Amino acid sequence: MDYSLAALKLFCCQLKDARQISSSPPSMTLHGIRFQRAWCQGVVVSGPDEGIFLLDDGSGVVELSLQAEFMTLGWKSGMYIMVVGLYVAGDPPQIKVHKIVDLSAYPDRESLWHMEVIEAYNLFYSTEAEC
C-alpha cells in the first residue's frame, strides 16, 4: 500500500464512482484524484454477529472486512464508527479496514462528519462530485 496517497474522506455513495487505474501499486481514481484508502464514518447496520459487517452513512452502504484482531472488540449494530482502509470495488463496495474507532460517545458526530467531507471536497477535491 502506498501511504503517500491520502485516505479520501468519502460518503459511501461516492465509492461506486471510483475507477481502478493501472498503476504500481494498484490504485483507484475518483474525479481525477488517485487513492487506495477510503475514510468513512457511519452507523453499523449489521455487525460481525450477523455474518456480514455493514456500515451505513445515510448515503449508502459499504461492507467492512476486518482483520481478526478487530473482531474481538465488540462491534455491534447501532454503533457510530470511523473506518479507514483499502477500498475494493464491488457490489456492495468493500473497505479492508486497518483503522476502526468507536465514535458513539461523541455528540454531533454524524453532522460534523458530513461537514468534514463537504469541506474536504471544497478545499481539496473536485466540486463536481455528487451522490
Protein backbone atom coordinates (compact mmCIF):
# COMPACT_ATOMS: atom_id res chain seq x y z
CA MET A 1 0.00 0.00 0.00
CA ASP A 2 1.21 3.48 -0.87
CA TYR A 3 0.84 5.56 2.31
CA SER A 4 1.91 8.69 0.43
CA LEU A 5 -1.61 8.69 -1.04
CA ALA A 6 -4.07 10.26 1.38
CA ALA A 7 -7.14 8.36 2.54
CA LEU A 8 -10.06 10.21 0.95
CA LYS A 9 -12.90 11.32 3.20
CA LEU A 10 -15.89 9.93 1.35
CA PHE A 11 -19.59 9.31 1.55
CA CYS A 12 -20.46 5.68 0.82
CA CYS A 13 -22.39 6.71 -2.30
CA GLN A 14 -19.20 8.14 -3.82
CA LEU A 15 -17.40 4.80 -3.73
CA LYS A 16 -19.42 3.47 -6.66
CA ASP A 17 -17.91 6.18 -8.90
CA ALA A 18 -14.29 5.21 -8.14
CA ARG A 19 -12.45 3.51 -11.01
CA GLN A 20 -9.48 1.14 -10.95
CA ILE A 21 -6.42 2.50 -12.74
CA SER A 22 -3.34 0.66 -13.85
CA SER A 23 -0.55 1.88 -11.66
CA SER A 24 2.03 0.48 -9.35
CA PRO A 25 0.88 -0.20 -6.72
CA PRO A 26 -2.73 -0.64 -7.93
CA SER A 27 -4.99 2.26 -7.02
CA MET A 28 -8.34 3.90 -7.72
CA THR A 29 -9.31 7.30 -9.06
CA LEU A 30 -12.31 9.42 -8.17
CA HIS A 31 -12.87 12.61 -10.16
CA GLY A 32 -9.19 12.66 -11.06
CA ILE A 33 -7.90 12.04 -7.53
CA ARG A 34 -5.76 8.92 -7.12
CA PHE A 35 -6.27 6.94 -3.90
CA GLN A 36 -6.10 3.49 -2.36
CA ARG A 37 -7.69 4.07 1.03
CA ALA A 38 -11.12 5.37 1.92
CA TRP A 39 -12.11 7.09 5.16
CA CYS A 40 -15.81 6.66 6.01
CA GLN A 41 -17.97 7.14 9.07
CA GLY A 42 -21.43 5.84 9.80
CA VAL A 43 -23.69 3.52 11.73
CA VAL A 44 -23.07 -0.21 11.91
CA VAL A 45 -26.26 -1.73 10.49
CA SER A 46 -25.01 -5.31 10.53
CA GLY A 47 -22.21 -6.42 12.82
CA PRO A 48 -19.94 -9.43 12.85
CA ASP A 49 -22.57 -11.38 14.83
CA GLU A 50 -24.92 -11.15 11.82
CA GLY A 51 -22.29 -12.62 9.47
CA ILE A 52 -21.62 -9.50 7.41
CA PHE A 53 -20.29 -6.19 8.68
CA LEU A 54 -22.09 -3.25 7.02
CA LEU A 55 -21.66 0.49 7.55
CA ASP A 56 -24.40 2.98 6.54
CA ASP A 57 -23.60 6.70 6.40
CA GLY A 58 -27.03 7.80 5.18
CA SER A 59 -25.93 7.98 1.54
CA GLY A 60 -25.22 4.30 1.01
CA VAL A 61 -23.81 1.13 2.49
CA VAL A 62 -20.29 -0.29 2.44
CA GLU A 63 -19.16 -3.74 3.55
CA LEU A 64 -16.30 -3.82 6.04
CA SER A 65 -13.65 -6.52 6.05
CA LEU A 66 -11.98 -6.64 9.46
CA GLN A 67 -8.74 -8.29 10.50
CA ALA A 68 -9.08 -10.90 13.24
CA GLU A 69 -7.61 -8.55 15.86
CA PHE A 70 -10.53 -6.12 15.37
CA MET A 71 -13.25 -8.79 15.53
CA THR A 72 -12.87 -9.27 19.29
CA LEU A 73 -13.58 -5.63 20.18
CA GLY A 74 -17.37 -5.95 20.46
CA TRP A 75 -18.69 -4.08 17.41
CA LYS A 76 -22.50 -4.07 17.43
CA SER A 77 -25.32 -2.77 15.29
CA GLY A 78 -26.21 0.84 16.12
CA MET A 79 -22.64 1.95 16.93
CA TYR A 80 -21.30 5.01 15.12
CA ILE A 81 -17.78 4.25 13.85
CA MET A 82 -14.96 5.65 11.75
CA VAL A 83 -13.06 3.33 9.42
CA VAL A 84 -10.02 3.77 7.20
CA GLY A 85 -8.84 1.07 4.86
CA LEU A 86 -8.10 -0.22 1.41
CA TYR A 87 -11.05 0.30 -0.93
CA VAL A 88 -12.15 -2.69 -3.03
CA ALA A 89 -14.73 -2.06 -5.76
CA GLY A 90 -17.73 -4.37 -5.83
CA ASP A 91 -21.40 -4.65 -5.02
CA PRO A 92 -21.57 -3.67 -2.25
CA PRO A 93 -18.29 -1.75 -2.14
CA GLN A 94 -15.85 -3.03 0.48
CA ILE A 95 -13.25 -1.46 2.75
CA LYS A 96 -10.48 -3.70 4.11
CA VAL A 97 -10.19 -1.93 7.45
CA HIS A 98 -6.83 -1.11 9.00
CA LYS A 99 -8.18 1.51 11.45
CA ILE A 100 -11.53 1.48 13.23
CA VAL A 101 -12.70 3.75 16.05
CA ASP A 102 -15.96 3.78 18.02
CA LEU A 103 -17.27 7.37 17.96
CA SER A 104 -20.64 6.58 19.55
CA ALA A 105 -19.92 8.67 22.66
CA TYR A 106 -19.32 11.91 20.75
CA PRO A 107 -22.27 14.28 20.28
CA ASP A 108 -22.95 15.74 16.82
CA ARG A 109 -20.56 13.22 15.26
CA GLU A 110 -22.71 12.50 12.23
CA SER A 111 -23.47 16.11 11.29
CA LEU A 112 -19.82 17.05 11.77
CA TRP A 113 -18.73 14.19 9.50
CA HIS A 114 -20.99 15.43 6.71
CA MET A 115 -19.48 18.91 7.04
CA GLU A 116 -15.92 17.47 7.05
CA VAL A 117 -16.50 15.60 3.80
CA ILE A 118 -18.07 18.64 2.15
CA GLU A 119 -15.23 20.87 3.35
CA ALA A 120 -12.60 18.43 2.05
CA TYR A 121 -14.27 18.49 -1.36
CA ASN A 122 -14.50 22.26 -1.40
CA LEU A 123 -10.85 22.70 -0.36
CA PHE A 124 -9.02 19.77 -1.94
CA TYR A 125 -11.19 17.69 -4.25
CA SER A 126 -13.35 18.24 -7.28
CA THR A 127 -16.52 20.25 -6.73
CA GLU A 128 -18.26 18.19 -9.42
CA ALA A 129 -18.75 15.13 -7.17
CA GLU A 130 -22.36 14.27 -6.43
CA CYS A 131 -24.22 11.43 -4.72
